[in-house]
Amino acid sequence: MLTMGSLFDGIGGFPLAAGKNGIETLWASEIERFPIQVTKKRFPGMVHMGDITKLDGGLLPPVDIICGGSPCQDLSVASGKRLGLAGERSGLFMEQLRIVREMRNAEKSRGRPAESVRPRFLLWENVPGVFSSGSPKGEDFRVVLEEICRIADRAVSIPGPDRGKWEPAGAVMGEKFSVAWRVLDAQYWPGTPQRRRRVYLAADFGGQIAPKILFEQESLFGDTEEVKGTGEAAAAAAGSGAQGAGGAHGSPASCPSTGG
């Protein structure tokens, strides 16, 4: 069974989805009292670790997946100032990556083979405003992609999008890692009758699975007919190995791109 750690846990959205897919959430990080009380009742076996800024990834129980939807206030177009990743709240994304690095470094120091170092997977969720946040426009998402890719390959450099605008779906494919993203709208899933568009990003630090997680139809729940505009092209590109269709490009030696 795959295991997961949930950062910025809120009321346990990621653990709920994980449980429906046979994934056990071992621990979570959250600081707000009410959400903690909710998840203690709903997920009694999940251990609460406290404030993310005080956690050491090397000391946490190793998990296969680390997930999190870091605070979006500084990235949202509705926030006004839009401080981006430089903001106090949205900048906590870097804490998520720090914990991933620390856990992986601890695993390597224990002598685990490279292909089994944990966490192998990272899941991240945020608002579409990240595509336009930063200076130049869209710089924050470029940084997100680059910092995530550098967990697997320190030499990776991610330029901005070809046409100055990030696509709603795409992927970066490295020699031994992959990162994919896709915008999904909650209104097309059962039980959520509201328009709620979010960017979902998956990283596989040990292989090429990330595009399959987000683009293969059987991997998704709910009615996805209405989101095929962003999904079908991405799925086709991921399946065919098409180059240069996504919104990010790396050096040919380290991370050619594919996506929609």
C-alpha atoms as a PDB file:
ATOM      1  CA  MET A   1       0.000   0.000   0.000  1.00  0.00           C
ATOM      2  CA  LEU A   2       1.210   3.479  -0.864  1.00  0.00           C
ATOM      3  CA  THR A   3       1.528   5.952   2.018  1.00  0.00           C
ATOM      4  CA  MET A   4       1.112   9.731   2.092  1.00  0.00           C
ATOM      5  CA  GLY A   5       1.899  12.779   4.193  1.00  0.00           C
ATOM      6  CA  SER A   6      -0.445  15.781   3.902  1.00  0.00           C
ATOM      7  CA  LEU A   7       0.853  19.350   4.289  1.00  0.00           C
ATOM      8  CA  PHE A   8      -1.464  22.377   4.622  1.00  0.00           C
ATOM      9  CA  ASP A   9      -4.009  19.660   5.341  1.00  0.00           C
ATOM     10  CA  GLY A  10      -7.114  21.794   5.967  1.00  0.00           C
ATOM     11  CA  ILE A  11     -10.127  19.522   6.470  1.00  0.00           C
ATOM     12  CA  GLY A  12      -8.418  16.561   4.827  1.00  0.00           C
ATOM     13  CA  GLY A  13      -9.304  16.787   1.140  1.00  0.00           C
ATOM     14  CA  PHE A  14      -6.161  15.007  -0.008  1.00  0.00           C
ATOM     15  CA  PRO A  15      -6.424  12.242   2.647  1.00  0.00           C
ATOM     16  CA  LEU A  16     -10.077  11.694   1.662  1.00  0.00           C
ATOM     17  CA  ALA A  17      -9.144  11.253  -2.007  1.00  0.00           C
ATOM     18  CA  ALA A  18      -6.168   9.093  -1.059  1.00  0.00           C
ATOM     19  CA  GLY A  19      -8.323   6.759   1.011  1.00  0.00           C
ATOM     20  CA  LYS A  20     -10.713   6.288  -1.906  1.00  0.00           C
ATOM     21  CA  ASN A  21      -7.731   5.085  -3.945  1.00  0.00           C
ATOM     22  CA  GLY A  22      -6.243   2.720  -1.380  1.00  0.00           C
ATOM     23  CA  ILE A  23      -3.544   5.129  -0.158  1.00  0.00           C
ATOM     24  CA  GLU A  24      -2.957   5.474   3.599  1.00  0.00           C
ATOM     25  CA  THR A  25      -2.247   8.948   4.990  1.00  0.00           C
ATOM     26  CA  LEU A  26       0.199   8.503   7.886  1.00  0.00           C
ATOM     27  CA  TRP A  27       0.554  12.099   9.040  1.00  0.00           C
ATOM     28  CA  ALA A  28      -0.573  15.661   8.399  1.00  0.00           C
ATOM     29  CA  SER A  29       0.493  19.232   9.090  1.00  0.00           C
ATOM     30  CA  GLU A  30      -2.093  21.903   9.907  1.00  0.00           C
ATOM     31  CA  ILE A  31      -2.200  24.790  12.403  1.00  0.00           C
ATOM     32  CA  GLU A  32      -5.878  25.832  12.432  1.00  0.00           C
ATOM     33  CA  ARG A  33      -7.848  24.335  15.340  1.00  0.00           C
ATOM     34  CA  PHE A  34     -11.179  23.639  13.639  1.00  0.00           C
ATOM     35  CA  PRO A  35      -9.782  21.704  10.641  1.00  0.00           C
ATOM     36  CA  ILE A  36      -7.614  19.676  13.001  1.00  0.00           C
ATOM     37  CA  GLN A  37     -10.672  18.686  15.033  1.00  0.00           C
ATOM     38  CA  VAL A  38     -12.476  17.658  11.830  1.00  0.00           C
ATOM     39  CA  THR A  39      -9.647  15.454  10.597  1.00  0.00           C
ATOM     40  CA  LYS A  40      -9.008  13.929  14.012  1.00  0.00           C
ATOM     41  CA  LYS A  41     -12.577  12.660  13.892  1.00  0.00           C
ATOM     42  CA  ARG A  42     -12.586  11.631  10.218  1.00  0.00           C
ATOM     43  CA  PHE A  43      -9.064  10.182  10.098  1.00  0.00           C
ATOM     44  CA  PRO A  44      -8.316   8.924  13.616  1.00  0.00           C
ATOM     45  CA  GLY A  45      -5.218   7.024  12.484  1.00  0.00           C
ATOM     46  CA  MET A  46      -3.576  10.109  10.941  1.00  0.00           C
ATOM     47  CA  VAL A  47      -0.952  11.696  13.211  1.00  0.00           C
ATOM     48  CA  HIS A  48      -0.864  15.508  13.429  1.00  0.00           C
ATOM     49  CA  MET A  49       2.664  16.897  13.229  1.00  0.00           C
ATOM     50  CA  GLY A  50       1.982  20.615  13.715  1.00  0.00           C
ATOM     51  CA  ASP A  51       3.412  23.738  12.084  1.00  0.00           C
ATOM     52  CA  ILE A  52       5.139  23.028   8.744  1.00  0.00           C
ATOM     53  CA  THR A  53       7.857  25.593   9.475  1.00  0.00           C
ATOM     54  CA  LYS A  54       8.939  23.590  12.520  1.00  0.00           C
ATOM     55  CA  LEU A  55       9.055  20.164  10.847  1.00  0.00           C
ATOM     56  CA  ASP A  56      12.210  18.335   9.782  1.00  0.00           C
ATOM     57  CA  GLY A  57      11.548  16.120   6.766  1.00  0.00           C
ATOM     58  CA  GLY A  58      14.422  13.858   7.753  1.00  0.00           C
ATOM     59  CA  LEU A  59      12.706  13.043  11.046  1.00  0.00           C
ATOM     60  CA  LEU A  60       9.184  12.526   9.712  1.00  0.00           C
ATOM     61  CA  PRO A  61       7.978   8.979   9.003  1.00  0.00           C
ATOM     62  CA  PRO A  62       8.931   8.396   5.333  1.00  0.00           C
ATOM     63  CA  VAL A  63       6.001   8.279   2.899  1.00  0.00           C
ATOM     64  CA  ASP A  64       5.633   7.537  -0.815  1.00  0.00           C
ATOM     65  CA  ILE A  65       3.695  10.743  -1.523  1.00  0.00           C
ATOM     66  CA  ILE A  66       3.836  14.232  -0.043  1.00  0.00           C
ATOM     67  CA  CYS A  67       0.868  16.411  -0.977  1.00  0.00           C
ATOM     68  CA  GLY A  68      -0.162  19.954  -0.234  1.00  0.00           C
ATOM     69  CA  GLY A  69      -2.104  22.949  -1.417  1.00  0.00           C
ATOM     70  CA  SER A  70       0.092  25.763  -0.131  1.00  0.00           C
ATOM     71  CA  PRO A  71      -1.721  29.037   0.758  1.00  0.00           C
ATOM     72  CA  CYS A  72      -2.907  30.849  -2.361  1.00  0.00           C
ATOM     73  CA  GLN A  73      -3.653  34.363  -1.079  1.00  0.00           C
ATOM     74  CA  ASP A  74      -0.521  35.954  -2.536  1.00  0.00           C
ATOM     75  CA  LEU A  75      -1.035  34.268  -5.926  1.00  0.00           C
ATOM     76  CA  SER A  76      -4.757  34.873  -6.394  1.00  0.00           C
ATOM     77  CA  VAL A  77      -5.958  37.571  -8.802  1.00  0.00           C
ATOM     78  CA  ALA A  78      -8.573  38.454  -6.177  1.00  0.00           C
ATOM     79  CA  SER A  79      -5.967  39.294  -3.534  1.00  0.00           C
ATOM     80  CA  GLY A  80      -5.103  42.765  -4.771  1.00  0.00           C
ATOM     81  CA  LYS A  81      -1.379  43.144  -3.999  1.00  0.00           C
ATOM     82  CA  ARG A  82      -0.416  39.737  -5.453  1.00  0.00           C
ATOM     83  CA  LEU A  83       2.943  39.364  -3.715  1.00  0.00           C
ATOM     84  CA  GLY A  84       3.355  35.916  -5.273  1.00  0.00           C
ATOM     85  CA  LEU A  85       5.931  33.485  -3.907  1.00  0.00           C
ATOM     86  CA  ALA A  86       7.574  36.431  -2.150  1.00  0.00           C
ATOM     87  CA  GLY A  87       4.476  36.733   0.018  1.00  0.00           C
ATOM     88  CA  GLU A  88       4.440  35.443   3.571  1.00  0.00           C
ATOM     89  CA  ARG A  89       1.687  32.888   2.962  1.00  0.00           C
ATOM     90  CA  SER A  90       2.220  31.632  -0.591  1.00  0.00           C
ATOM     91  CA  GLY A  91       5.953  31.525   0.058  1.00  0.00           C
ATOM     92  CA  LEU A  92       5.243  28.557   2.331  1.00  0.00           C
ATOM     93  CA  PHE A  93       5.385  26.495  -0.868  1.00  0.00           C
ATOM     94  CA  MET A  94       9.166  26.478  -0.357  1.00  0.00           C
ATOM     95  CA  GLU A  95       8.656  24.819   3.031  1.00  0.00           C
ATOM     96  CA  GLN A  96       6.854  21.990   1.263  1.00  0.00           C
ATOM     97  CA  LEU A  97       9.839  21.481  -1.040  1.00  0.00           C
ATOM     98  CA  ARG A  98      12.268  21.716   1.882  1.00  0.00           C
ATOM     99  CA  ILE A  99      10.525  18.843   3.634  1.00  0.00           C
ATOM    100  CA  VAL A 100      10.570  16.739   0.446  1.00  0.00           C
ATOM    101  CA  ARG A 101      14.310  17.345   0.034  1.00  0.00           C
ATOM    102  CA  GLU A 102      15.055  16.573   3.676  1.00  0.00           C
ATOM    103  CA  MET A 103      13.130  13.306   3.593  1.00  0.00           C
ATOM    104  CA  ARG A 104      14.775  12.201   0.354  1.00  0.00           C
ATOM    105  CA  ASN A 105      18.242  13.098   1.647  1.00  0.00           C
ATOM    106  CA  ALA A 106      17.589  11.103   4.822  1.00  0.00           C
ATOM    107  CA  GLU A 107      16.448   8.130   2.748  1.00  0.00           C
ATOM    108  CA  LYS A 108      19.609   8.297   0.641  1.00  0.00           C
ATOM    109  CA  SER A 109      21.761   8.437   3.776  1.00  0.00           C
ATOM    110  CA  ARG A 110      20.105   5.217   4.939  1.00  0.00           C
ATOM    111  CA  GLY A 111      21.346   3.538   1.775  1.00  0.00           C
ATOM    112  CA  ARG A 112      18.036   3.092  -0.038  1.00  0.00           C
ATOM    113  CA  PRO A 113      18.371   2.481  -3.804  1.00  0.00           C
ATOM    114  CA  ALA A 114      17.680   5.590  -5.895  1.00  0.00           C
ATOM    115  CA  GLU A 115      14.490   4.178  -7.414  1.00  0.00           C
ATOM    116  CA  SER A 116      12.936   3.568  -3.988  1.00  0.00           C
ATOM    117  CA  VAL A 117      13.876   6.829  -2.249  1.00  0.00           C
ATOM    118  CA  ARG A 118      10.824   8.413  -0.607  1.00  0.00           C
ATOM    119  CA  PRO A 119       8.854  10.470  -1.290  1.00  0.00           C
ATOM    120  CA  ARG A 120       8.791   9.430  -4.915  1.00  0.00           C
ATOM    121  CA  PHE A 121       5.747  11.568  -5.673  1.00  0.00           C
ATOM    122  CA  LEU A 122       4.760  15.172  -4.958  1.00  0.00           C
ATOM    123  CA  LEU A 123       1.231  16.533  -5.422  1.00  0.00           C
ATOM    124  CA  TRP A 124       0.528  20.285  -5.349  1.00  0.00           C
ATOM    125  CA  GLU A 125      -2.675  22.277  -5.774  1.00  0.00           C
ATOM    126  CA  ASN A 126      -3.168  26.013  -6.184  1.00  0.00           C
ATOM    127  CA  VAL A 127      -5.085  28.755  -7.977  1.00  0.00           C
ATOM    128  CA  PRO A 128      -4.700  29.459 -11.735  1.00  0.00           C
ATOM    129  CA  GLY A 129      -3.439  32.903 -10.738  1.00  0.00           C
ATOM    130  CA  VAL A 130      -0.018  31.302 -10.338  1.00  0.00           C
ATOM    131  CA  PHE A 131       0.243  31.279 -14.156  1.00  0.00           C
ATOM    132  CA  SER A 132       0.308  35.101 -14.242  1.00  0.00           C
ATOM    133  CA  SER A 133       1.892  35.907 -10.884  1.00  0.00           C
ATOM    134  CA  GLY A 134       5.396  37.339 -10.620  1.00  0.00           C
ATOM    135  CA  SER A 135       7.584  39.598 -12.709  1.00  0.00           C
ATOM    136  CA  PRO A 136       7.901  39.032 -15.573  1.00  0.00           C
ATOM    137  CA  LYS A 137       4.332  37.757 -15.798  1.00  0.00           C
ATOM    138  CA  GLY A 138       4.213  34.044 -15.024  1.00  0.00           C
ATOM    139  CA  GLU A 139       7.600  33.987 -13.300  1.00  0.00           C
ATOM    140  CA  ASP A 140       6.203  32.372 -10.156  1.00  0.00           C
ATOM    141  CA  PHE A 141       5.021  29.268 -12.008  1.00  0.00           C
ATOM    142  CA  ARG A 142       8.375  29.019 -13.773  1.00  0.00           C
ATOM    143  CA  VAL A 143      10.024  29.023 -10.331  1.00  0.00           C
ATOM    144  CA  VAL A 144       7.557  26.389  -9.078  1.00  0.00           C
ATOM    145  CA  LEU A 145       8.422  24.087 -11.970  1.00  0.00           C
ATOM    146  CA  GLU A 146      12.160  24.674 -11.712  1.00  0.00           C
ATOM    147  CA  GLU A 147      12.358  24.144  -7.959  1.00  0.00           C
ATOM    148  CA  ILE A 148      10.348  20.925  -8.169  1.00  0.00           C
ATOM    149  CA  CYS A 149      12.423  19.595 -11.070  1.00  0.00           C
ATOM    150  CA  ARG A 150      15.642  20.389  -9.197  1.00  0.00           C
ATOM    151  CA  ILE A 151      14.674  17.947  -6.465  1.00  0.00           C
ATOM    152  CA  ALA A 152      15.422  15.242  -9.035  1.00  0.00           C
ATOM    153  CA  ASP A 153      18.071  17.048 -11.103  1.00  0.00           C
ATOM    154  CA  ARG A 154      19.931  20.059  -9.679  1.00  0.00           C
ATOM    155  CA  ALA A 155      21.116  21.123 -13.140  1.00  0.00           C
ATOM    156  CA  VAL A 156      17.637  21.665 -14.613  1.00  0.00           C
ATOM    157  CA  SER A 157      16.798  25.162 -15.809  1.00  0.00           C
ATOM    158  CA  ILE A 158      13.233  26.023 -16.809  1.00  0.00           C
ATOM    159  CA  PRO A 159      12.709  29.054 -19.085  1.00  0.00           C
ATOM    160  CA  GLY A 160       9.443  30.916 -19.349  1.00  0.00           C
ATOM    161  CA  PRO A 161       6.685  29.764 -21.726  1.00  0.00           C
ATOM    162  CA  ASP A 162       7.288  30.101 -25.470  1.00  0.00           C
ATOM    163  CA  ARG A 163       4.420  32.501 -26.128  1.00  0.00           C
ATOM    164  CA  GLY A 164       4.651  34.370 -22.836  1.00  0.00           C
ATOM    165  CA  LYS A 165       1.670  32.526 -21.370  1.00  0.00           C
ATOM    166  CA  TRP A 166       1.497  29.217 -19.535  1.00  0.00           C
ATOM    167  CA  GLU A 167      -0.775  26.582 -21.015  1.00  0.00           C
ATOM    168  CA  PRO A 168      -3.515  25.128 -18.746  1.00  0.00           C
ATOM    169  CA  ALA A 169      -1.950  21.669 -19.114  1.00  0.00           C
ATOM    170  CA  GLY A 170       1.569  20.470 -19.816  1.00  0.00           C
ATOM    171  CA  ALA A 171       4.531  18.480 -18.603  1.00  0.00           C
ATOM    172  CA  VAL A 172       8.289  18.509 -18.215  1.00  0.00           C
ATOM    173  CA  MET A 173       9.951  15.172 -18.948  1.00  0.00           C
ATOM    174  CA  GLY A 174      13.426  14.536 -17.564  1.00  0.00           C
ATOM    175  CA  GLU A 175      15.646  11.538 -18.089  1.00  0.00           C
ATOM    176  CA  LYS A 176      14.571   9.945 -14.794  1.00  0.00           C
ATOM    177  CA  PHE A 177      11.770  12.205 -13.568  1.00  0.00           C
ATOM    178  CA  SER A 178       8.587  13.895 -14.752  1.00  0.00           C
ATOM    179  CA  VAL A 179       6.356  16.793 -13.742  1.00  0.00           C
ATOM    180  CA  ALA A 180       2.870  17.479 -15.103  1.00  0.00           C
ATOM    181  CA  TRP A 181       0.180  20.054 -14.433  1.00  0.00           C
ATOM    182  CA  ARG A 182      -3.454  20.500 -15.391  1.00  0.00           C
ATOM    183  CA  VAL A 183      -6.288  22.919 -14.594  1.00  0.00           C
ATOM    184  CA  LEU A 184      -9.452  21.177 -13.422  1.00  0.00           C
ATOM    185  CA  ASP A 185     -12.820  22.677 -12.502  1.00  0.00           C
ATOM    186  CA  ALA A 186     -14.718  21.209  -9.541  1.00  0.00           C
ATOM    187  CA  GLN A 187     -18.128  22.015 -11.056  1.00  0.00           C
ATOM    188  CA  TYR A 188     -17.834  18.986 -13.348  1.00  0.00           C
ATOM    189  CA  TRP A 189     -17.455  16.540 -10.455  1.00  0.00           C
ATOM    190  CA  PRO A 190     -20.430  15.146  -8.503  1.00  0.00           C
ATOM    191  CA  GLY A 191     -21.345  17.013  -5.335  1.00  0.00           C
ATOM    192  CA  THR A 192     -19.605  20.316  -6.095  1.00  0.00           C
ATOM    193  CA  PRO A 193     -22.066  22.569  -7.983  1.00  0.00           C
ATOM    194  CA  GLN A 194     -19.770  25.586  -8.190  1.00  0.00           C
ATOM    195  CA  ARG A 195     -17.095  26.863 -10.528  1.00  0.00           C
ATOM    196  CA  ARG A 196     -13.794  26.256  -8.783  1.00  0.00           C
ATOM    197  CA  ARG A 197     -10.792  26.066 -11.118  1.00  0.00           C
ATOM    198  CA  ARG A 198      -7.524  24.865  -9.642  1.00  0.00           C
ATOM    199  CA  VAL A 199      -4.095  23.899 -10.909  1.00  0.00           C
ATOM    200  CA  TYR A 200      -3.096  20.337  -9.997  1.00  0.00           C
ATOM    201  CA  LEU A 201       0.549  19.375 -10.346  1.00  0.00           C
ATOM    202  CA  ALA A 202       2.085  15.907  -9.999  1.00  0.00           C
ATOM    203  CA  ALA A 203       5.802  15.119  -9.842  1.00  0.00           C
ATOM    204  CA  ASP A 204       7.410  11.708 -10.151  1.00  0.00           C
ATOM    205  CA  PHE A 205      11.014  11.914  -8.955  1.00  0.00           C
ATOM    206  CA  GLY A 206      11.769   8.357 -10.017  1.00  0.00           C
ATOM    207  CA  GLY A 207      10.191   7.904 -13.427  1.00  0.00           C
ATOM    208  CA  GLN A 208       7.788   9.036 -16.153  1.00  0.00           C
ATOM    209  CA  ILE A 209       4.441   8.501 -14.421  1.00  0.00           C
ATOM    210  CA  ALA A 210       3.430  12.143 -13.732  1.00  0.00           C
ATOM    211  CA  PRO A 211       1.587  12.717 -17.063  1.00  0.00           C
ATOM    212  CA  LYS A 212      -0.307   9.447 -16.628  1.00  0.00           C
ATOM    213  CA  ILE A 213      -1.562  10.578 -13.215  1.00  0.00           C
ATOM    214  CA  LEU A 214      -3.199  13.718 -14.621  1.00  0.00           C
ATOM    215  CA  PHE A 215      -3.944  12.935 -18.270  1.00  0.00           C
ATOM    216  CA  GLU A 216      -5.115   9.332 -18.485  1.00  0.00           C
ATOM    217  CA  GLN A 217      -8.903   9.318 -18.387  1.00  0.00           C
ATOM    218  CA  GLU A 218      -9.276   6.231 -16.201  1.00  0.00           C
ATOM    219  CA  SER A 219      -7.224   7.959 -13.503  1.00  0.00           C
ATOM    220  CA  LEU A 220      -9.930  10.597 -12.971  1.00  0.00           C
ATOM    221  CA  PHE A 221     -13.228  10.462 -11.099  1.00  0.00           C
ATOM    222  CA  GLY A 222     -16.364  12.336 -12.050  1.00  0.00           C
ATOM    223  CA  ASP A 223     -17.651  13.771 -15.322  1.00  0.00           C
ATOM    224  CA  THR A 224     -14.629  15.047 -17.223  1.00  0.00           C
ATOM    225  CA  GLU A 225     -16.441  15.726 -20.500  1.00  0.00           C
ATOM    226  CA  GLU A 226     -16.516  19.473 -19.866  1.00  0.00           C
ATOM    227  CA  VAL A 227     -12.761  19.735 -19.234  1.00  0.00           C
ATOM    228  CA  LYS A 228     -11.625  17.875 -22.337  1.00  0.00           C
ATOM    229  CA  GLY A 229     -10.590  21.143 -23.916  1.00  0.00           C
ATOM    230  CA  THR A 230      -7.540  21.249 -21.669  1.00  0.00           C
ATOM    231  CA  GLY A 231      -7.205  17.544 -21.117  1.00  0.00           C
ATOM    232  CA  GLU A 232      -7.534  15.709 -24.422  1.00  0.00           C
ATOM    233  CA  ALA A 233      -4.669  17.457 -26.169  1.00  0.00           C
ATOM    234  CA  ALA A 234      -2.453  16.982 -23.145  1.00  0.00           C
ATOM    235  CA  ALA A 235      -3.359  13.321 -22.892  1.00  0.00           C
ATOM    236  CA  ALA A 236      -2.646  12.763 -26.568  1.00  0.00           C
ATOM    237  CA  ALA A 237       0.726  14.480 -26.324  1.00  0.00           C
ATOM    238  CA  ALA A 238       1.686  12.548 -23.208  1.00  0.00           C
ATOM    239  CA  GLY A 239       0.659   9.278 -24.787  1.00  0.00           C
ATOM    240  CA  SER A 240       2.463   9.862 -28.064  1.00  0.00           C
ATOM    241  CA  GLY A 241       5.619  11.376 -26.600  1.00  0.00           C
ATOM    242  CA  ALA A 242       5.151  14.556 -28.639  1.00  0.00           C
ATOM    243  CA  GLN A 243       7.834  17.151 -27.988  1.00  0.00           C
ATOM    244  CA  GLY A 244       7.341  20.869 -27.455  1.00  0.00           C
ATOM    245  CA  ALA A 245       3.574  20.884 -27.042  1.00  0.00           C
ATOM    246  CA  GLY A 246       3.514  22.010 -23.435  1.00  0.00           C
ATOM    247  CA  GLY A 247       4.088  25.294 -21.687  1.00  0.00           C
ATOM    248  CA  ALA A 248       7.616  24.582 -20.411  1.00  0.00           C
ATOM    249  CA  HIS A 249      10.859  23.657 -22.070  1.00  0.00           C
ATOM    250  CA  GLY A 250      14.198  22.555 -20.680  1.00  0.00           C
ATOM    251  CA  SER A 251      17.542  21.774 -22.195  1.00  0.00           C
ATOM    252  CA  PRO A 252      17.370  18.799 -24.615  1.00  0.00           C
ATOM    253  CA  ALA A 253      19.816  16.870 -22.472  1.00  0.00           C
ATOM    254  CA  SER A 254      17.931  17.176 -19.227  1.00  0.00           C
ATOM    255  CA  CYS A 255      14.238  17.876 -19.648  1.00  0.00           C
ATOM    256  CA  PRO A 256      12.552  17.907 -23.036  1.00  0.00           C
ATOM    257  CA  SER A 257       8.919  18.825 -22.702  1.00  0.00           C
ATOM    258  CA  THR A 258       5.591  17.363 -23.616  1.00  0.00           C
ATOM    259  CA  GLY A 259       2.104  18.421 -22.783  1.00  0.00           C
ATOM    260  CA  GLY A 260      -0.976  20.222 -23.948  1.00  0.00           C
END
